Amino acid sequence: MAGKLEIEDVVVGTGAEAVKGKLVSVHYTGWLTDGKKFDSSKDRGQPFQFPLGRGQVIQGWDDGVQGMKVGGKRKLTIPPDLGYGAQGAGGVI
């Protein structure tokens, strides 16, 4: 059974909108449901860039970042089938 991507706009941005095919730049922090942080671009001091909607990131990101506006902050709760699936990633997820 597939899970549902949950999207919560914490802050709605006022800049340009993220659209499929365009390069986006995001800061992110990944948390497990038990509250453990597993990754963060903020810890590295550099945003992560990827072409939106091209399958170069997990589907939860391609779907969840689309429509965001520059300056916005969004919380994505990504089910396994839209994330790293049963195989996980890096021995942490």
Protein backbone atom coordinates (compact mmCIF):
# COMPACT_ATOMS: atom_id res chain seq x y z
CA MET A 1 0.00 0.00 0.00
CA ALA A 2 1.46 3.34 -1.04
CA GLY A 3 1.76 6.11 1.50
CA LYS A 4 0.68 9.69 0.97
CA LEU A 5 3.08 12.62 0.73
CA GLU A 6 2.16 15.20 3.37
CA ILE A 7 2.97 18.83 2.55
CA GLU A 8 2.80 21.65 5.10
CA ASP A 9 3.73 25.19 4.12
CA VAL A 10 5.42 26.62 7.22
CA VAL A 11 6.27 29.88 5.43
CA VAL A 12 4.84 30.74 2.02
CA GLY A 13 7.47 32.45 -0.11
CA THR A 14 6.90 35.47 -2.31
CA GLY A 15 9.49 34.86 -5.04
CA ALA A 16 9.55 32.80 -8.20
CA GLU A 17 7.75 29.44 -8.17
CA ALA A 18 9.58 26.11 -8.46
CA VAL A 19 8.44 24.41 -11.67
CA LYS A 20 9.27 21.10 -13.32
CA GLY A 21 12.41 21.19 -15.42
CA LYS A 22 13.98 24.17 -13.65
CA LEU A 23 17.02 24.03 -11.37
CA VAL A 24 16.05 24.57 -7.73
CA SER A 25 18.27 25.31 -4.75
CA VAL A 26 17.09 24.23 -1.30
CA HIS A 27 18.31 23.99 2.26
CA TYR A 28 16.94 20.93 4.01
CA THR A 29 17.15 18.88 7.16
CA GLY A 30 16.04 15.25 7.09
CA TRP A 31 14.50 13.76 10.23
CA LEU A 32 13.40 10.22 10.97
CA THR A 33 10.04 9.66 12.67
CA ASP A 34 11.89 8.94 15.93
CA GLY A 35 13.31 12.50 15.89
CA LYS A 36 16.82 11.57 14.76
CA LYS A 37 18.40 13.89 12.20
CA PHE A 38 19.98 11.94 9.33
CA ASP A 39 21.16 14.69 6.97
CA SER A 40 21.22 18.46 6.60
CA SER A 41 22.46 20.86 3.95
CA LYS A 42 22.53 23.52 6.67
CA ASP A 43 25.22 21.55 8.53
CA ARG A 44 27.35 21.76 5.38
CA GLY A 45 26.58 25.45 4.91
CA GLN A 46 25.59 24.97 1.28
CA PRO A 47 22.17 24.53 -0.34
CA PHE A 48 21.46 21.47 -2.46
CA GLN A 49 20.63 22.01 -6.14
CA PHE A 50 18.73 19.70 -8.47
CA PRO A 51 16.59 19.88 -11.61
CA LEU A 52 12.99 19.57 -10.43
CA GLY A 53 10.90 16.73 -11.80
CA ARG A 54 13.71 14.89 -13.56
CA GLY A 55 13.99 11.93 -11.19
CA GLN A 56 17.42 12.88 -9.86
CA VAL A 57 16.15 12.98 -6.27
CA ILE A 58 13.58 10.91 -4.38
CA GLN A 59 10.06 11.27 -5.75
CA GLY A 60 8.89 12.88 -2.50
CA TRP A 61 11.20 15.80 -3.22
CA ASP A 62 10.25 16.09 -6.90
CA ASP A 63 6.57 16.16 -5.91
CA GLY A 64 6.90 18.11 -2.66
CA VAL A 65 9.14 20.96 -3.81
CA GLN A 66 7.09 21.71 -6.92
CA GLY A 67 5.05 24.88 -6.42
CA MET A 68 7.20 26.28 -3.62
CA LYS A 69 8.20 29.92 -3.94
CA VAL A 70 11.56 31.51 -3.21
CA GLY A 71 11.74 32.37 0.49
CA GLY A 72 9.30 29.63 1.48
CA LYS A 73 9.72 26.89 4.04
CA ARG A 74 7.89 23.59 3.67
CA LYS A 75 7.66 20.46 5.80
CA LEU A 76 7.44 17.24 3.79
CA THR A 77 6.47 13.96 5.43
CA ILE A 78 7.58 11.41 2.87
CA PRO A 79 6.41 7.78 2.99
CA PRO A 80 8.99 5.07 2.17
CA ASP A 81 7.62 4.40 -1.33
CA LEU A 82 8.24 8.05 -2.27
CA GLY A 83 11.56 8.11 -0.43
CA TYR A 84 14.29 5.51 -0.20
CA GLY A 85 11.98 2.49 -0.12
CA ALA A 86 12.81 -0.81 1.55
CA GLN A 87 16.51 -0.58 0.64
CA GLY A 88 17.04 2.62 2.68
CA ALA A 89 20.09 4.82 2.20
CA GLY A 90 23.49 5.12 3.80
CA GLY A 91 22.78 2.65 6.58
CA VAL A 92 20.75 5.29 8.43
CA ILE A 93 17.41 5.40 6.65
